Amino acid sequence: MATILGFTSQKMSPVEKEKAVAKFSDAISTFYQHYSVYLKTLDQVCSTDLPDCNLLFDIYVPPATPTEKKQLLVETLCSTARSIPQFGEKPVTTLFKYHEDSACGVDGKM
């Protein structure tokens, strides 16, 4: 299971955001059977990234995830972002945060 939280100060219409989430979801589906993808746009005054409009991913995965798999995931998210016109060559940062299976609940069950 993986949860991907994306944050950006890049302005996007609801349709553009929906398409971006679909692209990131397609990319993640090659790595995980169960996953969630969220993309939150922040007002530019809420970010120090100006004028770059950085894209930041917080990636929540189990701690035993192999380094090679994490590297491929980082490369895939970056190349996917590069394929989205609103991001192009803007910086993409990924941060891994870990959760044990016993620290993850879905639908009221651990």
C-alpha atoms as a PDB file:
ATOM      1  CA  MET A   1       0.000   0.000   0.000  1.00  0.00           C
ATOM      2  CA  ALA A   2       1.226   3.487  -0.835  1.00  0.00           C
ATOM      3  CA  THR A   3      -0.123   6.979  -0.325  1.00  0.00           C
ATOM      4  CA  ILE A   4       1.230   9.779  -2.482  1.00  0.00           C
ATOM      5  CA  LEU A   5       0.560  13.377  -1.456  1.00  0.00           C
ATOM      6  CA  GLY A   6       1.556  15.954  -4.051  1.00  0.00           C
ATOM      7  CA  PHE A   7       1.814  19.678  -3.323  1.00  0.00           C
ATOM      8  CA  THR A   8       2.464  22.462  -5.802  1.00  0.00           C
ATOM      9  CA  SER A   9       2.040  26.209  -6.150  1.00  0.00           C
ATOM     10  CA  GLN A  10       1.529  25.761  -9.899  1.00  0.00           C
ATOM     11  CA  LYS A  11      -1.871  27.098 -10.936  1.00  0.00           C
ATOM     12  CA  MET A  12      -4.042  24.385 -12.483  1.00  0.00           C
ATOM     13  CA  SER A  13      -7.659  24.240 -13.540  1.00  0.00           C
ATOM     14  CA  PRO A  14      -9.819  21.449 -12.074  1.00  0.00           C
ATOM     15  CA  VAL A  15      -9.622  19.598 -15.402  1.00  0.00           C
ATOM     16  CA  GLU A  16      -5.811  19.930 -15.545  1.00  0.00           C
ATOM     17  CA  LYS A  17      -5.548  18.705 -11.962  1.00  0.00           C
ATOM     18  CA  GLU A  18      -7.821  15.740 -12.692  1.00  0.00           C
ATOM     19  CA  LYS A  19      -5.670  14.764 -15.686  1.00  0.00           C
ATOM     20  CA  ALA A  20      -2.487  15.099 -13.629  1.00  0.00           C
ATOM     21  CA  VAL A  21      -3.876  12.893 -10.844  1.00  0.00           C
ATOM     22  CA  ALA A  22      -4.891  10.292 -13.452  1.00  0.00           C
ATOM     23  CA  LYS A  23      -1.348  10.284 -14.900  1.00  0.00           C
ATOM     24  CA  PHE A  24       0.239   9.934 -11.463  1.00  0.00           C
ATOM     25  CA  SER A  25      -2.251   7.175 -10.581  1.00  0.00           C
ATOM     26  CA  ASP A  26      -1.346   5.264 -13.738  1.00  0.00           C
ATOM     27  CA  ALA A  27       2.337   5.587 -12.860  1.00  0.00           C
ATOM     28  CA  ILE A  28       1.845   4.390  -9.269  1.00  0.00           C
ATOM     29  CA  SER A  29      -0.310   1.432 -10.334  1.00  0.00           C
ATOM     30  CA  THR A  30       2.753  -0.277 -11.810  1.00  0.00           C
ATOM     31  CA  PHE A  31       4.312  -0.350  -8.313  1.00  0.00           C
ATOM     32  CA  TYR A  32       1.431  -0.937  -5.924  1.00  0.00           C
ATOM     33  CA  GLN A  33      -1.887  -2.747  -6.093  1.00  0.00           C
ATOM     34  CA  HIS A  34      -3.406  -0.544  -3.369  1.00  0.00           C
ATOM     35  CA  TYR A  35      -2.583   3.148  -3.456  1.00  0.00           C
ATOM     36  CA  SER A  36      -3.987   6.644  -3.104  1.00  0.00           C
ATOM     37  CA  VAL A  37      -2.859   9.753  -4.961  1.00  0.00           C
ATOM     38  CA  TYR A  38      -3.684  13.307  -3.901  1.00  0.00           C
ATOM     39  CA  LEU A  39      -2.627  16.572  -5.541  1.00  0.00           C
ATOM     40  CA  LYS A  40      -3.068  19.805  -3.619  1.00  0.00           C
ATOM     41  CA  THR A  41      -2.444  23.178  -5.202  1.00  0.00           C
ATOM     42  CA  LEU A  42      -1.341  25.912  -2.829  1.00  0.00           C
ATOM     43  CA  ASP A  43      -1.689  29.622  -3.284  1.00  0.00           C
ATOM     44  CA  GLN A  44       1.668  30.976  -4.419  1.00  0.00           C
ATOM     45  CA  VAL A  45       1.837  33.191  -1.325  1.00  0.00           C
ATOM     46  CA  CYS A  46       1.838  29.947   0.741  1.00  0.00           C
ATOM     47  CA  SER A  47       5.079  28.721  -0.818  1.00  0.00           C
ATOM     48  CA  THR A  48       8.718  29.762  -0.906  1.00  0.00           C
ATOM     49  CA  ASP A  49       9.117  28.075  -4.311  1.00  0.00           C
ATOM     50  CA  LEU A  50       8.406  31.177  -6.370  1.00  0.00           C
ATOM     51  CA  PRO A  51       8.961  31.423  -9.246  1.00  0.00           C
ATOM     52  CA  ASP A  52       9.817  27.731  -9.743  1.00  0.00           C
ATOM     53  CA  CYS A  53       6.436  26.278  -8.688  1.00  0.00           C
ATOM     54  CA  ASN A  54       8.107  23.174  -7.331  1.00  0.00           C
ATOM     55  CA  LEU A  55       6.220  19.877  -7.102  1.00  0.00           C
ATOM     56  CA  LEU A  56       6.683  18.088  -3.773  1.00  0.00           C
ATOM     57  CA  PHE A  57       5.665  14.484  -3.137  1.00  0.00           C
ATOM     58  CA  ASP A  58       5.304  12.957   0.316  1.00  0.00           C
ATOM     59  CA  ILE A  59       5.344   9.211  -0.305  1.00  0.00           C
ATOM     60  CA  TYR A  60       4.083   6.906   2.436  1.00  0.00           C
ATOM     61  CA  VAL A  61       5.210   3.291   1.983  1.00  0.00           C
ATOM     62  CA  PRO A  62       6.192   0.348   4.209  1.00  0.00           C
ATOM     63  CA  PRO A  63       9.726   0.706   5.659  1.00  0.00           C
ATOM     64  CA  ALA A  64      10.861  -2.567   4.075  1.00  0.00           C
ATOM     65  CA  THR A  65      10.402  -1.162   0.564  1.00  0.00           C
ATOM     66  CA  PRO A  66      13.637  -1.936  -1.331  1.00  0.00           C
ATOM     67  CA  THR A  67      15.801   1.034  -2.292  1.00  0.00           C
ATOM     68  CA  GLU A  68      15.684  -0.017  -5.953  1.00  0.00           C
ATOM     69  CA  LYS A  69      11.876   0.117  -5.945  1.00  0.00           C
ATOM     70  CA  LYS A  70      11.923   3.554  -4.297  1.00  0.00           C
ATOM     71  CA  GLN A  71      14.448   4.804  -6.885  1.00  0.00           C
ATOM     72  CA  LEU A  72      12.258   3.572  -9.746  1.00  0.00           C
ATOM     73  CA  LEU A  73       9.228   5.199  -8.128  1.00  0.00           C
ATOM     74  CA  VAL A  74      11.085   8.529  -7.847  1.00  0.00           C
ATOM     75  CA  GLU A  75      12.184   8.315 -11.494  1.00  0.00           C
ATOM     76  CA  THR A  76       8.652   7.412 -12.602  1.00  0.00           C
ATOM     77  CA  LEU A  77       7.018  10.270 -10.683  1.00  0.00           C
ATOM     78  CA  CYS A  78       9.569  12.726 -12.068  1.00  0.00           C
ATOM     79  CA  SER A  79       9.167  11.568 -15.670  1.00  0.00           C
ATOM     80  CA  THR A  80       5.386  11.632 -15.267  1.00  0.00           C
ATOM     81  CA  ALA A  81       5.562  15.189 -13.946  1.00  0.00           C
ATOM     82  CA  ARG A  82       7.767  16.149 -16.912  1.00  0.00           C
ATOM     83  CA  SER A  83       5.051  14.855 -19.262  1.00  0.00           C
ATOM     84  CA  ILE A  84       2.487  17.241 -17.752  1.00  0.00           C
ATOM     85  CA  PRO A  85       2.712  20.673 -19.434  1.00  0.00           C
ATOM     86  CA  GLN A  86       2.078  22.616 -16.211  1.00  0.00           C
ATOM     87  CA  PHE A  87       5.193  21.098 -14.595  1.00  0.00           C
ATOM     88  CA  GLY A  88       7.574  20.608 -17.519  1.00  0.00           C
ATOM     89  CA  GLU A  89      11.148  20.936 -16.255  1.00  0.00           C
ATOM     90  CA  LYS A  90      10.253  22.441 -12.877  1.00  0.00           C
ATOM     91  CA  PRO A  91      11.852  20.901  -9.785  1.00  0.00           C
ATOM     92  CA  VAL A  92      10.323  17.679  -8.413  1.00  0.00           C
ATOM     93  CA  THR A  93      11.135  16.727  -4.823  1.00  0.00           C
ATOM     94  CA  THR A  94      10.204  13.402  -3.237  1.00  0.00           C
ATOM     95  CA  LEU A  95      10.238  12.603   0.473  1.00  0.00           C
ATOM     96  CA  PHE A  96       9.645   9.103   1.786  1.00  0.00           C
ATOM     97  CA  LYS A  97       7.745   8.593   5.004  1.00  0.00           C
ATOM     98  CA  TYR A  98       7.268   5.107   6.349  1.00  0.00           C
ATOM     99  CA  HIS A  99       4.466   3.193   7.999  1.00  0.00           C
ATOM    100  CA  GLU A 100       4.342  -0.303   9.418  1.00  0.00           C
ATOM    101  CA  ASP A 101       1.340  -2.415   8.419  1.00  0.00           C
ATOM    102  CA  SER A 102       0.285  -2.242  12.073  1.00  0.00           C
ATOM    103  CA  ALA A 103       0.265   1.569  11.819  1.00  0.00           C
ATOM    104  CA  CYS A 104      -2.084   1.730   8.855  1.00  0.00           C
ATOM    105  CA  GLY A 105      -5.855   1.489   9.068  1.00  0.00           C
ATOM    106  CA  VAL A 106      -8.277   1.157   6.161  1.00  0.00           C
ATOM    107  CA  ASP A 107     -12.054   1.168   6.606  1.00  0.00           C
ATOM    108  CA  GLY A 108     -11.733   0.847  10.365  1.00  0.00           C
ATOM    109  CA  LYS A 109      -9.325  -2.115  10.277  1.00  0.00           C
ATOM    110  CA  MET A 110      -5.586  -2.282  10.880  1.00  0.00           C
END
